[in-house]
Amino acid sequence: SRLEIPPNRLEEINAILLNPESQVVNDFLEVVAKYGTPEEINQKARAARTNKKLDKAKIRIAETKVASDLNDLARLHQRLGEPENALKRLGELLAIDLRLGREQGAAITHNNIGRIFLAMDNLEKARRHYLLAMALFKKNKDEKRAEAVRRNLQFLEAIRRRRNQPSTKP
């Protein structure tokens, strides 16, 4: 069951399409002249999608480099005794890790944030970031790093228990 146009109807359609006075046809030809044939339009659309994918790939590569630099900056701030600046850089790094879907990187960053909060004596925030790191490491089946975070949590809890014990001094 093919679509078949009888010859007499085809002649009538051709007469309309080839009539230089037909406004509809002239408007259609104007659009084709402006944007190209359907094949040309589709080709331009494919090229645009390819360029967009390339641009996204370039952005991802650039953000990965920025993430590495942010990590280096955070370590420098930490060495200089500037934990607030280190946390700021790690927060920026975490945002990139999450945006790029880099769960392993996010887990490492959460662990590093936890370590800084622990050093700042903010046990609750440290614990929160350690737990987030632990969940991501477990999700990614990184038992070695999950165990390291577990030890960090045990150390944190030991500090908390020592603080809650009554003093034995007179």
N, C-alpha and C. Protein backbone atom coordinates (compact mmCIF):
# COMPACT_ATOMS: atom_id res chain seq x y z
N SER A 1 0.83 -1.18 0.00
CA SER A 1 0.00 0.00 0.00
C SER A 1 0.87 1.24 0.00
N ARG A 2 1.38 1.53 -1.14
CA ARG A 2 2.18 2.74 -1.29
C ARG A 2 1.27 3.92 -1.52
N LEU A 3 1.79 5.07 -1.17
CA LEU A 3 1.06 6.30 -1.45
C LEU A 3 1.22 6.58 -2.93
N GLU A 4 0.12 6.59 -3.62
CA GLU A 4 0.20 6.80 -5.06
C GLU A 4 -0.67 8.00 -5.43
N ILE A 5 -0.09 8.90 -6.17
CA ILE A 5 -0.83 10.07 -6.62
C ILE A 5 -1.18 9.84 -8.09
N PRO A 6 -2.46 9.88 -8.39
CA PRO A 6 -2.86 9.69 -9.80
C PRO A 6 -2.23 10.77 -10.67
N PRO A 7 -1.90 10.44 -11.90
CA PRO A 7 -1.22 11.39 -12.79
C PRO A 7 -1.95 12.72 -12.94
N ASN A 8 -3.27 12.72 -13.04
CA ASN A 8 -3.97 13.99 -13.22
C ASN A 8 -3.85 14.87 -11.97
N ARG A 9 -3.84 14.26 -10.75
CA ARG A 9 -3.69 15.04 -9.51
C ARG A 9 -2.25 15.56 -9.41
N LEU A 10 -1.30 14.76 -9.84
CA LEU A 10 0.10 15.16 -9.80
C LEU A 10 0.33 16.38 -10.69
N GLU A 11 -0.32 16.40 -11.85
CA GLU A 11 -0.20 17.55 -12.74
C GLU A 11 -0.78 18.80 -12.08
N GLU A 12 -1.90 18.65 -11.37
CA GLU A 12 -2.51 19.79 -10.68
C GLU A 12 -1.58 20.30 -9.57
N ILE A 13 -0.97 19.39 -8.80
CA ILE A 13 -0.05 19.77 -7.71
C ILE A 13 1.16 20.48 -8.30
N ASN A 14 1.71 19.94 -9.37
CA ASN A 14 2.87 20.57 -10.01
C ASN A 14 2.53 21.95 -10.54
N ALA A 15 1.33 22.11 -11.06
CA ALA A 15 0.91 23.42 -11.58
C ALA A 15 0.90 24.45 -10.46
N ILE A 16 0.44 24.04 -9.26
CA ILE A 16 0.43 24.96 -8.11
C ILE A 16 1.85 25.26 -7.66
N LEU A 17 2.66 24.21 -7.53
CA LEU A 17 4.02 24.39 -7.03
C LEU A 17 4.90 25.20 -7.99
N LEU A 18 4.66 25.08 -9.27
CA LEU A 18 5.50 25.76 -10.25
C LEU A 18 4.96 27.13 -10.66
N ASN A 19 3.81 27.50 -10.13
CA ASN A 19 3.21 28.80 -10.46
C ASN A 19 3.99 29.90 -9.76
N PRO A 20 4.64 30.80 -10.55
CA PRO A 20 5.43 31.87 -9.94
C PRO A 20 4.58 32.88 -9.18
N GLU A 21 3.27 32.86 -9.34
CA GLU A 21 2.37 33.79 -8.66
C GLU A 21 1.90 33.23 -7.31
N SER A 22 2.19 31.97 -6.99
CA SER A 22 1.70 31.34 -5.76
C SER A 22 2.46 31.90 -4.55
N GLN A 23 1.73 32.62 -3.67
CA GLN A 23 2.35 33.24 -2.50
C GLN A 23 2.87 32.18 -1.52
N VAL A 24 2.11 31.11 -1.33
CA VAL A 24 2.52 30.05 -0.39
C VAL A 24 3.85 29.44 -0.85
N VAL A 25 3.92 29.14 -2.11
CA VAL A 25 5.15 28.53 -2.63
C VAL A 25 6.31 29.53 -2.55
N ASN A 26 6.05 30.79 -2.89
CA ASN A 26 7.10 31.80 -2.81
C ASN A 26 7.59 31.97 -1.36
N ASP A 27 6.66 31.94 -0.40
CA ASP A 27 7.05 32.03 1.01
C ASP A 27 7.91 30.82 1.41
N PHE A 28 7.49 29.65 0.94
CA PHE A 28 8.25 28.44 1.24
C PHE A 28 9.66 28.53 0.66
N LEU A 29 9.76 28.97 -0.60
CA LEU A 29 11.07 29.09 -1.24
C LEU A 29 11.94 30.13 -0.54
N GLU A 30 11.32 31.15 0.02
CA GLU A 30 12.05 32.17 0.76
C GLU A 30 12.67 31.56 2.03
N VAL A 31 11.89 30.72 2.70
CA VAL A 31 12.40 30.03 3.90
C VAL A 31 13.55 29.11 3.53
N VAL A 32 13.40 28.37 2.45
CA VAL A 32 14.46 27.47 2.00
C VAL A 32 15.71 28.28 1.66
N ALA A 33 15.54 29.42 1.01
CA ALA A 33 16.69 30.25 0.65
C ALA A 33 17.39 30.77 1.91
N LYS A 34 16.59 31.10 2.92
CA LYS A 34 17.15 31.66 4.15
C LYS A 34 17.84 30.59 4.99
N TYR A 35 17.20 29.43 5.18
CA TYR A 35 17.70 28.41 6.10
C TYR A 35 18.29 27.18 5.42
N GLY A 36 18.02 27.01 4.16
CA GLY A 36 18.55 25.84 3.45
C GLY A 36 17.50 24.76 3.31
N THR A 37 17.88 23.74 2.60
CA THR A 37 16.98 22.61 2.39
C THR A 37 16.86 21.83 3.70
N PRO A 38 15.87 20.96 3.81
CA PRO A 38 15.77 20.14 5.03
C PRO A 38 17.07 19.38 5.31
N GLU A 39 17.73 18.89 4.28
CA GLU A 39 19.00 18.18 4.48
C GLU A 39 20.06 19.12 5.04
N GLU A 40 20.12 20.34 4.50
CA GLU A 40 21.11 21.31 4.99
C GLU A 40 20.80 21.72 6.44
N ILE A 41 19.53 21.91 6.74
CA ILE A 41 19.13 22.27 8.11
C ILE A 41 19.50 21.15 9.08
N ASN A 42 19.22 19.92 8.70
CA ASN A 42 19.57 18.79 9.55
C ASN A 42 21.08 18.67 9.74
N GLN A 43 21.83 18.93 8.68
CA GLN A 43 23.29 18.87 8.78
C GLN A 43 23.80 19.94 9.74
N LYS A 44 23.25 21.15 9.66
CA LYS A 44 23.64 22.23 10.57
C LYS A 44 23.29 21.86 12.02
N ALA A 45 22.14 21.25 12.21
CA ALA A 45 21.73 20.84 13.56
C ALA A 45 22.68 19.79 14.12
N ARG A 46 23.08 18.82 13.28
CA ARG A 46 24.03 17.79 13.73
C ARG A 46 25.37 18.43 14.10
N ALA A 47 25.82 19.37 13.29
CA ALA A 47 27.09 20.05 13.57
C ALA A 47 27.00 20.83 14.87
N ALA A 48 25.88 21.49 15.11
CA ALA A 48 25.71 22.26 16.34
C ALA A 48 25.73 21.34 17.56
N ARG A 49 25.07 20.18 17.45
CA ARG A 49 25.08 19.22 18.57
C ARG A 49 26.50 18.72 18.83
N THR A 50 27.24 18.46 17.77
CA THR A 50 28.63 18.00 17.92
C THR A 50 29.47 19.07 18.59
N ASN A 51 29.31 20.33 18.16
CA ASN A 51 30.07 21.43 18.76
C ASN A 51 29.70 21.59 20.23
N LYS A 52 28.43 21.43 20.54
CA LYS A 52 27.99 21.56 21.93
C LYS A 52 28.61 20.46 22.79
N LYS A 53 28.67 19.24 22.25
CA LYS A 53 29.30 18.14 22.98
C LYS A 53 30.79 18.42 23.19
N LEU A 54 31.45 18.95 22.16
CA LEU A 54 32.87 19.29 22.29
C LEU A 54 33.07 20.37 23.33
N ASP A 55 32.20 21.39 23.33
CA ASP A 55 32.30 22.46 24.32
C ASP A 55 32.10 21.92 25.73
N LYS A 56 31.14 21.02 25.90
CA LYS A 56 30.91 20.42 27.22
C LYS A 56 32.13 19.61 27.65
N ALA A 57 32.74 18.90 26.72
CA ALA A 57 33.93 18.12 27.05
C ALA A 57 35.08 19.05 27.46
N LYS A 58 35.23 20.17 26.75
CA LYS A 58 36.27 21.14 27.11
C LYS A 58 36.03 21.71 28.49
N ILE A 59 34.77 22.02 28.79
CA ILE A 59 34.44 22.55 30.12
C ILE A 59 34.76 21.52 31.20
N ARG A 60 34.41 20.26 30.94
CA ARG A 60 34.69 19.20 31.92
C ARG A 60 36.20 19.08 32.17
N ILE A 61 36.99 19.14 31.11
CA ILE A 61 38.45 19.06 31.25
C ILE A 61 38.96 20.26 32.06
N ALA A 62 38.46 21.45 31.73
CA ALA A 62 38.88 22.65 32.44
C ALA A 62 38.48 22.59 33.91
N GLU A 63 37.26 22.13 34.20
CA GLU A 63 36.82 22.04 35.59
C GLU A 63 37.65 21.01 36.35
N THR A 64 38.06 19.95 35.69
CA THR A 64 38.91 18.95 36.34
C THR A 64 40.25 19.57 36.73
N LYS A 65 40.80 20.40 35.84
CA LYS A 65 42.05 21.09 36.15
C LYS A 65 41.86 22.07 37.30
N VAL A 66 40.75 22.81 37.27
CA VAL A 66 40.45 23.76 38.35
C VAL A 66 40.31 23.01 39.67
N ALA A 67 39.64 21.86 39.64
CA ALA A 67 39.46 21.07 40.86
C ALA A 67 40.81 20.68 41.45
N SER A 68 41.72 20.26 40.61
CA SER A 68 43.06 19.90 41.08
C SER A 68 43.76 21.11 41.70
N ASP A 69 43.63 22.26 41.06
CA ASP A 69 44.23 23.49 41.60
C ASP A 69 43.61 23.88 42.93
N LEU A 70 42.28 23.73 43.04
CA LEU A 70 41.61 24.05 44.30
C LEU A 70 42.10 23.15 45.43
N ASN A 71 42.32 21.89 45.11
CA ASN A 71 42.84 20.96 46.11
C ASN A 71 44.23 21.40 46.56
N ASP A 72 45.08 21.78 45.61
CA ASP A 72 46.42 22.26 45.95
C ASP A 72 46.36 23.52 46.80
N LEU A 73 45.46 24.44 46.44
CA LEU A 73 45.30 25.67 47.22
C LEU A 73 44.84 25.37 48.64
N ALA A 74 43.92 24.44 48.77
CA ALA A 74 43.42 24.08 50.11
C ALA A 74 44.56 23.55 50.97
N ARG A 75 45.40 22.71 50.40
CA ARG A 75 46.54 22.17 51.16
C ARG A 75 47.50 23.28 51.56
N LEU A 76 47.75 24.24 50.66
CA LEU A 76 48.62 25.37 51.00
C LEU A 76 48.04 26.20 52.13
N HIS A 77 46.73 26.48 52.05
CA HIS A 77 46.08 27.25 53.12
C HIS A 77 46.18 26.50 54.45
N GLN A 78 46.04 25.21 54.38
CA GLN A 78 46.13 24.40 55.60
C GLN A 78 47.53 24.50 56.20
N ARG A 79 48.54 24.39 55.37
CA ARG A 79 49.93 24.50 55.85
C ARG A 79 50.23 25.87 56.43
N LEU A 80 49.58 26.88 55.86
CA LEU A 80 49.80 28.25 56.34
C LEU A 80 48.97 28.56 57.59
N GLY A 81 48.22 27.58 58.06
CA GLY A 81 47.40 27.79 59.26
C GLY A 81 46.16 28.63 58.97
N GLU A 82 45.61 28.48 57.79
CA GLU A 82 44.42 29.22 57.38
C GLU A 82 43.28 28.25 57.09
N PRO A 83 42.72 27.63 58.14
CA PRO A 83 41.70 26.60 57.90
C PRO A 83 40.43 27.12 57.23
N GLU A 84 40.05 28.36 57.50
CA GLU A 84 38.84 28.90 56.87
C GLU A 84 39.02 29.00 55.36
N ASN A 85 40.21 29.45 54.93
CA ASN A 85 40.48 29.54 53.49
C ASN A 85 40.57 28.15 52.87
N ALA A 86 41.15 27.20 53.61
CA ALA A 86 41.22 25.83 53.12
C ALA A 86 39.80 25.27 52.94
N LEU A 87 38.93 25.53 53.91
CA LEU A 87 37.54 25.06 53.80
C LEU A 87 36.82 25.70 52.62
N LYS A 88 37.10 26.96 52.38
CA LYS A 88 36.47 27.65 51.25
C LYS A 88 36.87 26.97 49.94
N ARG A 89 38.15 26.71 49.77
CA ARG A 89 38.63 26.06 48.54
C ARG A 89 38.07 24.64 48.42
N LEU A 90 38.02 23.92 49.54
CA LEU A 90 37.48 22.56 49.49
C LEU A 90 35.99 22.57 49.18
N GLY A 91 35.28 23.59 49.65
CA GLY A 91 33.86 23.73 49.31
C GLY A 91 33.67 23.94 47.81
N GLU A 92 34.54 24.76 47.22
CA GLU A 92 34.48 24.98 45.77
C GLU A 92 34.82 23.69 45.02
N LEU A 93 35.82 22.97 45.52
CA LEU A 93 36.20 21.70 44.92
C LEU A 93 35.05 20.70 45.01
N LEU A 94 34.42 20.64 46.16
CA LEU A 94 33.30 19.71 46.35
C LEU A 94 32.17 20.00 45.36
N ALA A 95 31.89 21.28 45.15
CA ALA A 95 30.83 21.65 44.20
C ALA A 95 31.16 21.14 42.79
N ILE A 96 32.42 21.25 42.39
CA ILE A 96 32.82 20.76 41.06
C ILE A 96 32.72 19.24 41.02
N ASP A 97 33.22 18.57 42.06
CA ASP A 97 33.14 17.11 42.11
C ASP A 97 31.69 16.64 41.95
N LEU A 98 30.80 17.28 42.67
CA LEU A 98 29.39 16.87 42.62
C LEU A 98 28.77 17.18 41.26
N ARG A 99 29.09 18.35 40.70
CA ARG A 99 28.54 18.72 39.40
C ARG A 99 29.01 17.76 38.31
N LEU A 100 30.26 17.31 38.40
CA LEU A 100 30.80 16.41 37.39
C LEU A 100 30.49 14.95 37.68
N GLY A 101 29.82 14.69 38.80
CA GLY A 101 29.48 13.31 39.14
C GLY A 101 30.68 12.51 39.59
N ARG A 102 31.69 13.16 40.10
CA ARG A 102 32.90 12.49 40.57
C ARG A 102 32.74 12.12 42.04
N GLU A 103 32.06 11.01 42.27
CA GLU A 103 31.75 10.61 43.64
C GLU A 103 33.02 10.30 44.45
N GLN A 104 33.99 9.69 43.83
CA GLN A 104 35.23 9.36 44.54
C GLN A 104 35.93 10.64 44.98
N GLY A 105 36.00 11.62 44.07
CA GLY A 105 36.59 12.91 44.42
C GLY A 105 35.81 13.60 45.53
N ALA A 106 34.48 13.53 45.45
CA ALA A 106 33.65 14.13 46.50
C ALA A 106 33.89 13.46 47.84
N ALA A 107 34.06 12.14 47.83
CA ALA A 107 34.32 11.41 49.08
C ALA A 107 35.64 11.85 49.69
N ILE A 108 36.67 11.96 48.88
CA ILE A 108 37.99 12.40 49.37
C ILE A 108 37.88 13.81 49.93
N THR A 109 37.16 14.68 49.22
CA THR A 109 37.00 16.06 49.67
C THR A 109 36.23 16.12 50.98
N HIS A 110 35.15 15.34 51.10
CA HIS A 110 34.41 15.31 52.37
C HIS A 110 35.34 14.88 53.51
N ASN A 111 36.17 13.88 53.27
CA ASN A 111 37.10 13.41 54.31
C ASN A 111 38.07 14.53 54.69
N ASN A 112 38.59 15.24 53.68
CA ASN A 112 39.52 16.34 53.96
C ASN A 112 38.84 17.47 54.72
N ILE A 113 37.61 17.76 54.37
CA ILE A 113 36.85 18.79 55.10
C ILE A 113 36.66 18.34 56.55
N GLY A 114 36.34 17.06 56.73
CA GLY A 114 36.18 16.53 58.09
C GLY A 114 37.45 16.69 58.90
N ARG A 115 38.59 16.42 58.29
CA ARG A 115 39.86 16.56 59.01
C ARG A 115 40.11 18.00 59.44
N ILE A 116 39.77 18.94 58.60
CA ILE A 116 39.97 20.35 58.96
C ILE A 116 39.02 20.75 60.09
N PHE A 117 37.76 20.34 59.98
CA PHE A 117 36.83 20.66 61.07
C PHE A 117 37.27 20.02 62.38
N LEU A 118 37.81 18.82 62.31
CA LEU A 118 38.32 18.17 63.53
C LEU A 118 39.45 18.99 64.13
N ALA A 119 40.37 19.45 63.28
CA ALA A 119 41.49 20.28 63.75
C ALA A 119 40.99 21.60 64.33
N MET A 120 39.85 22.09 63.82
CA MET A 120 39.26 23.34 64.33
C MET A 120 38.40 23.08 65.57
N ASP A 121 38.32 21.82 65.97
CA ASP A 121 37.56 21.41 67.14
C ASP A 121 36.04 21.52 66.93
N ASN A 122 35.62 21.42 65.68
CA ASN A 122 34.18 21.40 65.38
C ASN A 122 33.82 19.94 65.09
N LEU A 123 33.58 19.20 66.17
CA LEU A 123 33.39 17.76 66.05
C LEU A 123 32.13 17.40 65.27
N GLU A 124 31.08 18.17 65.43
CA GLU A 124 29.83 17.81 64.74
C GLU A 124 29.96 17.95 63.23
N LYS A 125 30.55 19.05 62.77
CA LYS A 125 30.74 19.22 61.32
C LYS A 125 31.74 18.20 60.78
N ALA A 126 32.77 17.91 61.56
CA ALA A 126 33.75 16.89 61.14
C ALA A 126 33.03 15.56 60.97
N ARG A 127 32.22 15.19 61.95
CA ARG A 127 31.50 13.91 61.91
C ARG A 127 30.59 13.84 60.68
N ARG A 128 29.87 14.94 60.40
CA ARG A 128 28.96 14.98 59.26
C ARG A 128 29.71 14.72 57.95
N HIS A 129 30.86 15.35 57.77
CA HIS A 129 31.62 15.16 56.53
C HIS A 129 32.26 13.77 56.47
N TYR A 130 32.70 13.26 57.60
CA TYR A 130 33.23 11.89 57.62
C TYR A 130 32.15 10.90 57.21
N LEU A 131 30.94 11.09 57.70
CA LEU A 131 29.86 10.16 57.36
C LEU A 131 29.51 10.23 55.87
N LEU A 132 29.52 11.44 55.31
CA LEU A 132 29.28 11.57 53.87
C LEU A 132 30.39 10.90 53.07
N ALA A 133 31.64 11.07 53.51
CA ALA A 133 32.76 10.42 52.83
C ALA A 133 32.61 8.90 52.91
N MET A 134 32.28 8.41 54.11
CA MET A 134 32.12 6.97 54.30
C MET A 134 31.06 6.41 53.37
N ALA A 135 29.92 7.08 53.27
CA ALA A 135 28.83 6.60 52.42
C ALA A 135 29.26 6.52 50.95
N LEU A 136 29.97 7.53 50.49
CA LEU A 136 30.43 7.53 49.10
C LEU A 136 31.50 6.47 48.84
N PHE A 137 32.43 6.31 49.78
CA PHE A 137 33.45 5.27 49.61
C PHE A 137 32.81 3.89 49.58
N LYS A 138 31.86 3.67 50.46
CA LYS A 138 31.19 2.36 50.47
C LYS A 138 30.41 2.15 49.18
N LYS A 139 29.73 3.19 48.72
CA LYS A 139 28.97 3.08 47.47
C LYS A 139 29.88 2.70 46.31
N ASN A 140 31.09 3.23 46.32
CA ASN A 140 32.05 2.96 45.25
C ASN A 140 32.96 1.77 45.56
N LYS A 141 32.61 1.05 46.63
CA LYS A 141 33.34 -0.17 47.00
C LYS A 141 34.83 0.07 47.23
N ASP A 142 35.16 1.23 47.81
CA ASP A 142 36.54 1.55 48.16
C ASP A 142 36.71 1.28 49.66
N GLU A 143 36.93 0.02 49.97
CA GLU A 143 37.00 -0.40 51.38
C GLU A 143 38.21 0.17 52.10
N LYS A 144 39.31 0.33 51.38
CA LYS A 144 40.53 0.86 52.01
C LYS A 144 40.29 2.28 52.53
N ARG A 145 39.71 3.11 51.69
CA ARG A 145 39.45 4.50 52.13
C ARG A 145 38.30 4.56 53.13
N ALA A 146 37.32 3.69 52.98
CA ALA A 146 36.23 3.63 53.95
C ALA A 146 36.79 3.28 55.33
N GLU A 147 37.74 2.39 55.38
CA GLU A 147 38.37 2.02 56.66
C GLU A 147 39.14 3.19 57.25
N ALA A 148 39.81 3.97 56.42
CA ALA A 148 40.53 5.16 56.91
C ALA A 148 39.54 6.16 57.52
N VAL A 149 38.41 6.33 56.88
CA VAL A 149 37.39 7.25 57.42
C VAL A 149 36.83 6.68 58.73
N ARG A 150 36.65 5.38 58.78
CA ARG A 150 36.16 4.74 60.00
C ARG A 150 37.11 5.04 61.17
N ARG A 151 38.41 4.96 60.90
CA ARG A 151 39.40 5.29 61.94
C ARG A 151 39.29 6.76 62.34
N ASN A 152 39.06 7.65 61.36
CA ASN A 152 38.88 9.07 61.68
C ASN A 152 37.67 9.26 62.60
N LEU A 153 36.59 8.54 62.30
CA LEU A 153 35.39 8.63 63.14
C LEU A 153 35.65 8.07 64.54
N GLN A 154 36.41 7.00 64.65
CA GLN A 154 36.74 6.44 65.96
C GLN A 154 37.57 7.42 66.77
N PHE A 155 38.52 8.07 66.12
CA PHE A 155 39.33 9.08 66.80
C PHE A 155 38.45 10.23 67.29
N LEU A 156 37.55 10.68 66.44
CA LEU A 156 36.63 11.76 66.79
C LEU A 156 35.78 11.35 68.01
N GLU A 157 35.27 10.14 68.01
CA GLU A 157 34.44 9.67 69.12
C GLU A 157 35.26 9.54 70.40
N ALA A 158 36.52 9.16 70.28
CA ALA A 158 37.39 9.08 71.46
C ALA A 158 37.57 10.46 72.07
N ILE A 159 37.75 11.46 71.24
CA ILE A 159 37.87 12.84 71.73
C ILE A 159 36.58 13.25 72.44
N ARG A 160 35.45 12.94 71.81
CA ARG A 160 34.15 13.29 72.39
C ARG A 160 33.96 12.61 73.75
N ARG A 161 34.32 11.33 73.87
CA ARG A 161 34.17 10.60 75.13
C ARG A 161 35.06 11.20 76.22
N ARG A 162 36.30 11.52 75.87
CA ARG A 162 37.22 12.12 76.85
C ARG A 162 36.67 13.43 77.39
N ARG A 163 36.06 14.20 76.52
CA ARG A 163 35.51 15.49 76.96
C ARG A 163 34.31 15.32 77.88
N ASN A 164 33.57 14.26 77.68
CA ASN A 164 32.36 14.06 78.47
C ASN A 164 32.62 13.37 79.79
N GLN A 165 33.86 12.90 80.06
CA GLN A 165 34.18 12.29 81.33
C GLN A 165 34.39 13.36 82.38
N PRO A 166 33.92 13.12 83.59
CA PRO A 166 34.14 14.11 84.64
C PRO A 166 35.64 14.19 84.99
N SER A 167 36.04 15.35 85.37
CA SER A 167 37.43 15.55 85.73
C SER A 167 37.76 14.84 87.03
N THR A 168 38.93 14.21 87.10
CA THR A 168 39.35 13.52 88.33
C THR A 168 40.26 14.39 89.17
N LYS A 169 40.51 15.60 88.72
CA LYS A 169 41.38 16.51 89.47
C LYS A 169 40.59 17.13 90.61
N PRO A 170 41.28 17.34 91.76
CA PRO A 170 40.59 17.95 92.92
C PRO A 170 40.24 19.39 92.71
